[in-house]
Amino acid sequence: MDDQAVDAVYELVVGVDVRRSGSYDDQGKTRMRRQLYAVLDRAFARAGVPARLVHREDRGDGILAAIASTVPPARIIGVWVAEVHEQLRQDNRDLRMPLGLRIGLHVGPVTHDAQGISGHAVDLACRLTDSDAARRLLERDRADLVVVVSDSLYREVVCHGGRFVDPEHYAPARLRLKDGGVHAWLRLPGRPRPVPVPEGGGTTAEGPPADEPTTGEPARGGTAAGGTTGVPDHAAGSAPHRTEPRPGPAADPVAAGLPHGTTVAGDLSVHHDNTYQAPVHIGRTTEGDRRG
């Protein structure tokens, strides 16, 4: 046989893609790639990761990397990601089109050959990087960097913490990828824990793993940032459903439908189409009201 068996090695796989790379013209792509490599190289250097420990392949509008097992994964997830974010922040200040990156990470067996790397770990890291969840979160929150880690990487490394790892800033999500559904965790470095983004078609964020709390804490029967609907109140065996008041401009008499020139002395409370199951009090509570 001409084929020689190659043993896979357990490594951290990193996928990096540039946001909206198709919107760059040819000269813009050259500048974009120059900035991309400068950002990543500076981040590796500041994180204390020598170039010889990073296998890197160019992907035109991003890179694929495998980090040697001698480098602690928490250093990449923590310090390196923090440095990438800081380098982006500095470089993007004066750019008309700021560089935006999606980073996907997974750890597992990786096979090296003369052409590059392969294996399920590589496939999953690439698909996390390219997921609609990452794309939509980056756009919705107008961020320059989103990080997506696999569920196993989160549970084995991220949740134990470390320098700049910040496990509490990751939001759980269920993604429908090319080859099936997976659990993953998303983070916007430098920001609080994000609310998952509902996705349309293809790759879809369906919510957190079953044993994790729902990110964003939407009220039962409501949604978080336009997300999927939670469990209705009546389905949980509680009181009958109550229609919530529509939000209104509480300080604007004209917008509330009052004649022009109306002056509101005190609080203005606007309510529409409400259904109440018990006596309620609408308006200000005075000292006399509290005394009964």
Protein backbone atom coordinates (compact mmCIF):
# COMPACT_ATOMS: atom_id res chain seq x y z
CA MET A 1 0.00 0.00 0.00
CA ASP A 2 1.19 3.52 -0.85
CA ASP A 3 -0.82 5.12 1.92
CA GLN A 4 0.99 5.49 5.19
CA ALA A 5 -1.05 5.58 8.37
CA VAL A 6 -0.87 8.96 10.10
CA ASP A 7 -1.76 9.26 13.75
CA ALA A 8 -4.06 12.13 14.65
CA VAL A 9 -2.95 14.50 17.40
CA TYR A 10 -5.25 16.22 19.89
CA GLU A 11 -5.12 19.94 19.10
CA LEU A 12 -7.15 23.13 19.39
CA VAL A 13 -8.55 24.08 15.99
CA VAL A 14 -9.21 27.75 15.24
CA GLY A 15 -11.22 29.03 12.30
CA VAL A 16 -11.20 32.74 11.43
CA ASP A 17 -13.44 34.35 8.79
CA VAL A 18 -13.74 37.99 7.73
CA ARG A 19 -17.15 39.64 7.85
CA ARG A 20 -18.70 40.46 4.45
CA SER A 21 -15.48 39.67 2.62
CA GLY A 22 -17.32 39.78 -0.72
CA SER A 23 -17.96 43.51 -0.30
CA TYR A 24 -14.23 44.36 -0.65
CA ASP A 25 -12.86 45.25 -4.07
CA ASP A 26 -9.51 43.81 -5.14
CA GLN A 27 -7.43 46.56 -3.55
CA GLY A 28 -9.60 46.44 -0.48
CA LYS A 29 -9.07 42.68 -0.17
CA THR A 30 -5.30 43.19 -0.20
CA ARG A 31 -5.54 45.73 2.62
CA MET A 32 -8.03 43.54 4.49
CA ARG A 33 -5.72 40.51 4.33
CA ARG A 34 -2.77 42.60 5.46
CA GLN A 35 -4.75 43.83 8.47
CA LEU A 36 -6.09 40.33 9.23
CA TYR A 37 -2.62 38.78 9.43
CA ALA A 38 -1.21 41.73 11.38
CA VAL A 39 -4.00 41.44 13.96
CA LEU A 40 -3.61 37.68 14.38
CA ASP A 41 0.21 37.74 14.44
CA ARG A 42 0.32 40.47 17.07
CA ALA A 43 -2.25 38.59 19.15
CA PHE A 44 -0.25 35.35 19.03
CA ALA A 45 2.93 37.20 19.98
CA ARG A 46 1.28 39.04 22.89
CA ALA A 47 -0.29 35.78 24.10
CA GLY A 48 3.16 34.16 24.17
CA VAL A 49 2.40 31.60 21.45
CA PRO A 50 5.43 31.04 19.16
CA ALA A 51 4.75 30.78 15.43
CA ARG A 52 6.33 27.31 15.33
CA LEU A 53 3.49 26.00 17.52
CA VAL A 54 0.78 27.26 15.16
CA HIS A 55 -0.04 25.38 11.98
CA ARG A 56 -1.79 27.94 9.75
CA GLU A 57 -3.50 27.68 6.38
CA ASP A 58 -4.67 30.64 4.32
CA ARG A 59 -8.34 30.65 3.32
CA GLY A 60 -8.43 33.87 1.27
CA ASP A 61 -10.88 35.66 3.54
CA GLY A 62 -9.64 34.01 6.74
CA ILE A 63 -7.38 31.34 8.16
CA LEU A 64 -7.56 27.83 9.56
CA ALA A 65 -5.14 27.06 12.38
CA ALA A 66 -4.26 24.16 14.64
CA ILE A 67 -2.49 24.97 17.90
CA ALA A 68 0.03 22.49 19.28
CA SER A 69 -1.11 20.56 22.33
CA THR A 70 1.73 22.08 24.37
CA VAL A 71 -0.16 25.39 24.35
CA PRO A 72 -2.91 25.48 27.01
CA PRO A 73 -6.29 25.93 25.27
CA ALA A 74 -7.31 28.46 27.94
CA ARG A 75 -4.50 30.74 26.76
CA ILE A 76 -5.96 30.86 23.26
CA ILE A 77 -9.57 31.19 24.45
CA GLY A 78 -8.61 33.81 27.03
CA VAL A 79 -5.48 35.87 26.35
CA TRP A 80 -5.29 35.38 22.58
CA VAL A 81 -8.96 36.19 21.98
CA ALA A 82 -8.62 39.26 24.24
CA GLU A 83 -5.61 40.40 22.23
CA VAL A 84 -7.40 39.87 18.92
CA HIS A 85 -10.24 42.03 20.22
CA GLU A 86 -7.86 44.76 21.40
CA GLN A 87 -5.90 44.78 18.13
CA LEU A 88 -9.15 45.05 16.17
CA ARG A 89 -10.33 47.90 18.37
CA GLN A 90 -7.14 49.87 17.75
CA ASP A 91 -6.91 49.17 14.01
CA ASN A 92 -10.57 49.86 13.26
CA ARG A 93 -10.74 53.33 14.76
CA ASP A 94 -10.06 55.20 11.52
CA LEU A 95 -11.27 52.66 8.96
CA ARG A 96 -14.25 53.37 6.71
CA MET A 97 -14.94 49.61 6.62
CA PRO A 98 -13.87 48.16 10.01
CA LEU A 99 -12.52 44.64 9.94
CA GLY A 100 -14.97 42.20 11.55
CA LEU A 101 -14.04 38.64 12.47
CA ARG A 102 -15.84 35.42 13.34
CA ILE A 103 -13.76 32.91 15.30
CA GLY A 104 -14.79 29.29 15.81
CA LEU A 105 -12.97 26.95 18.19
CA HIS A 106 -13.09 23.23 18.86
CA VAL A 107 -10.59 20.74 20.28
CA GLY A 108 -10.15 17.19 19.05
CA PRO A 109 -8.05 14.77 16.97
CA VAL A 110 -6.37 16.46 14.00
CA THR A 111 -4.55 14.68 11.16
CA HIS A 112 -1.64 16.48 9.48
CA ASP A 113 -0.44 15.64 5.98
CA ALA A 114 1.56 17.37 3.25
CA GLN A 115 -1.47 19.41 2.16
CA GLY A 116 -2.73 20.54 5.55
CA ILE A 117 -5.03 19.29 8.30
CA SER A 118 -8.23 17.25 8.37
CA GLY A 119 -10.61 15.51 10.74
CA HIS A 120 -13.98 15.97 12.37
CA ALA A 121 -12.53 18.58 14.76
CA VAL A 122 -11.45 20.65 11.75
CA ASP A 123 -14.85 20.34 10.08
CA LEU A 124 -16.72 21.40 13.22
CA ALA A 125 -14.47 24.41 13.90
CA CYS A 126 -15.01 25.62 10.34
CA ARG A 127 -18.78 25.19 10.50
CA LEU A 128 -19.02 27.01 13.82
CA THR A 129 -17.03 29.88 12.30
CA ASP A 130 -19.35 30.02 9.30
CA SER A 131 -22.61 29.59 11.24
CA ASP A 132 -25.52 31.97 10.74
CA ALA A 133 -25.59 32.46 14.51
CA ALA A 134 -22.14 34.03 14.42
CA ARG A 135 -22.91 36.11 11.33
CA ARG A 136 -26.19 37.47 12.66
CA LEU A 137 -24.90 38.21 16.16
CA LEU A 138 -21.95 40.15 14.73
CA GLU A 139 -24.30 42.26 12.60
CA ARG A 140 -27.12 42.72 15.10
CA ASP A 141 -24.86 43.90 17.91
CA ARG A 142 -22.58 45.89 15.57
CA ALA A 143 -19.53 44.18 16.99
CA ASP A 144 -16.11 43.60 15.44
CA LEU A 145 -15.56 40.11 16.88
CA VAL A 146 -17.72 37.12 17.74
CA VAL A 147 -16.38 33.86 19.18
CA VAL A 148 -18.17 30.50 18.89
CA VAL A 149 -16.90 27.52 20.88
CA SER A 150 -18.12 23.94 20.74
CA ASP A 151 -20.10 22.55 23.66
CA SER A 152 -17.33 20.09 24.58
CA LEU A 153 -14.70 22.84 24.56
CA TYR A 154 -16.90 25.01 26.75
CA ARG A 155 -17.48 22.25 29.29
CA GLU A 156 -13.90 20.96 29.33
CA VAL A 157 -12.04 24.29 29.27
CA VAL A 158 -14.12 27.49 29.22
CA CYS A 159 -16.38 26.78 32.19
CA HIS A 160 -13.32 26.29 34.43
CA GLY A 161 -12.25 29.87 33.79
CA GLY A 162 -8.81 31.38 33.46
CA ARG A 163 -7.23 34.66 32.51
CA PHE A 164 -9.70 36.58 30.31
CA VAL A 165 -11.70 33.38 29.68
CA ASP A 166 -14.89 34.80 31.27
CA PRO A 167 -17.27 31.79 31.03
CA GLU A 168 -20.18 33.87 32.28
CA HIS A 169 -20.02 35.98 29.11
CA TYR A 170 -20.88 33.03 26.83
CA ALA A 171 -24.44 32.41 25.70
CA PRO A 172 -25.61 28.85 24.91
CA ALA A 173 -27.32 28.12 21.60
CA ARG A 174 -28.50 25.20 19.54
CA LEU A 175 -27.21 25.41 15.96
CA ARG A 176 -28.40 23.51 12.92
CA LEU A 177 -25.27 23.02 10.87
CA LYS A 178 -24.67 21.37 7.52
CA ASP A 179 -24.37 17.89 9.02
CA GLY A 180 -26.89 18.22 11.87
CA GLY A 181 -27.65 20.05 15.08
CA VAL A 182 -25.02 20.90 17.69
CA HIS A 183 -24.84 22.80 20.94
CA ALA A 184 -22.43 25.73 20.98
CA TRP A 185 -21.59 28.84 22.99
CA LEU A 186 -21.27 32.39 21.67
CA ARG A 187 -19.44 35.40 23.04
CA LEU A 188 -18.86 39.02 22.04
CA PRO A 189 -15.50 39.91 23.66
CA GLY A 190 -15.61 43.10 25.66
CA ARG A 191 -19.39 42.87 26.10
CA PRO A 192 -21.84 41.18 28.48
CA ARG A 193 -23.40 37.82 27.72
CA PRO A 194 -25.31 38.22 24.44
CA VAL A 195 -28.89 37.25 23.73
CA PRO A 196 -28.97 34.47 21.10
CA VAL A 197 -30.06 35.50 17.63
CA PRO A 198 -32.90 33.55 15.98
CA GLU A 199 -31.86 32.37 12.56
CA GLY A 200 -33.86 31.90 9.39
CA GLY A 201 -33.25 28.76 7.36
CA GLY A 202 -29.98 26.88 7.10
CA THR A 203 -28.12 27.27 10.35
CA THR A 204 -30.53 28.03 13.18
CA ALA A 205 -30.11 29.03 16.80
CA GLU A 206 -32.79 27.13 18.69
CA GLY A 207 -31.81 27.80 22.27
CA PRO A 208 -29.49 26.52 25.01
CA PRO A 209 -28.68 22.95 26.01
CA ALA A 210 -31.45 21.38 28.07
CA ASP A 211 -29.54 21.66 31.35
CA GLU A 212 -28.61 25.32 30.91
CA PRO A 213 -30.65 28.46 31.70
CA THR A 214 -32.12 30.42 28.80
CA THR A 215 -29.92 33.36 27.87
CA GLY A 216 -31.60 36.74 28.12
CA GLU A 217 -34.14 35.59 30.73
CA PRO A 218 -37.28 36.28 28.63
CA ALA A 219 -40.56 36.19 30.51
CA ARG A 220 -42.63 33.04 30.07
CA GLY A 221 -44.64 33.33 26.90
CA GLY A 222 -42.45 36.23 25.65
CA THR A 223 -39.40 36.53 23.50
CA ALA A 224 -35.87 37.81 23.91
CA ALA A 225 -34.81 40.29 21.21
CA GLY A 226 -37.27 38.83 18.76
CA GLY A 227 -36.17 35.30 19.58
CA THR A 228 -38.13 32.11 19.82
CA THR A 229 -41.21 32.11 22.01
CA GLY A 230 -40.88 30.67 25.50
CA VAL A 231 -43.38 28.45 27.33
CA PRO A 232 -46.80 30.16 27.60
CA ASP A 233 -48.02 30.88 31.11
CA HIS A 234 -51.08 28.64 30.81
CA ALA A 235 -48.96 25.73 29.51
CA ALA A 236 -46.98 25.82 32.73
CA GLY A 237 -50.14 25.44 34.79
CA SER A 238 -50.22 29.01 36.09
CA ALA A 239 -52.97 31.63 35.92
CA PRO A 240 -54.82 32.30 32.63
CA HIS A 241 -52.93 34.31 30.06
CA ARG A 242 -53.03 38.08 30.56
CA THR A 243 -52.48 40.43 27.65
CA GLU A 244 -49.48 42.63 28.44
CA PRO A 245 -49.84 46.40 27.94
CA ARG A 246 -48.37 47.66 24.72
CA PRO A 247 -45.37 49.89 25.33
CA GLY A 248 -46.28 53.52 24.80
CA PRO A 249 -44.69 56.96 25.08
CA ALA A 250 -45.57 57.57 28.72
CA ALA A 251 -44.26 61.15 28.72
CA ASP A 252 -45.76 62.35 25.40
CA PRO A 253 -49.43 63.50 25.69
CA VAL A 254 -49.81 64.06 21.92
CA ALA A 255 -48.50 60.59 21.07
CA ALA A 256 -50.91 59.23 23.68
CA GLY A 257 -53.87 60.71 21.77
CA LEU A 258 -54.50 63.77 23.95
CA PRO A 259 -55.28 67.17 22.33
CA HIS A 260 -52.33 69.33 21.33
CA GLY A 261 -51.28 71.63 24.16
CA THR A 262 -52.42 69.26 26.92
CA THR A 263 -50.28 69.54 30.03
CA VAL A 264 -49.89 66.47 32.20
CA ALA A 265 -49.38 67.33 35.85
CA GLY A 266 -47.64 64.30 37.25
CA ASP A 267 -47.42 60.84 35.74
CA LEU A 268 -49.00 59.81 32.46
CA SER A 269 -49.86 56.13 32.09
CA VAL A 270 -50.96 54.85 28.67
CA HIS A 271 -52.68 51.47 28.30
CA HIS A 272 -54.37 49.76 25.33
CA ASP A 273 -56.48 46.62 24.91
CA ASN A 274 -55.75 45.23 28.36
CA THR A 275 -57.56 42.26 29.91
CA TYR A 276 -57.36 41.99 33.71
CA GLN A 277 -58.25 38.94 35.80
CA ALA A 278 -58.56 40.83 39.12
CA PRO A 279 -59.03 44.39 40.41
CA VAL A 280 -56.00 46.52 39.57
CA HIS A 281 -54.78 50.02 40.35
CA ILE A 282 -53.43 52.13 37.48
CA GLY A 283 -51.58 55.33 38.23
CA ARG A 284 -49.60 56.77 41.10
CA THR A 285 -49.81 55.24 44.56
CA THR A 286 -50.13 57.94 47.23
CA GLU A 287 -49.40 57.81 50.90
CA GLY A 288 -53.13 57.59 51.55
CA ASP A 289 -53.48 54.60 49.22
CA ARG A 290 -50.76 52.74 51.05
CA ARG A 291 -52.44 53.34 54.41
CA GLY A 292 -55.54 51.68 53.00
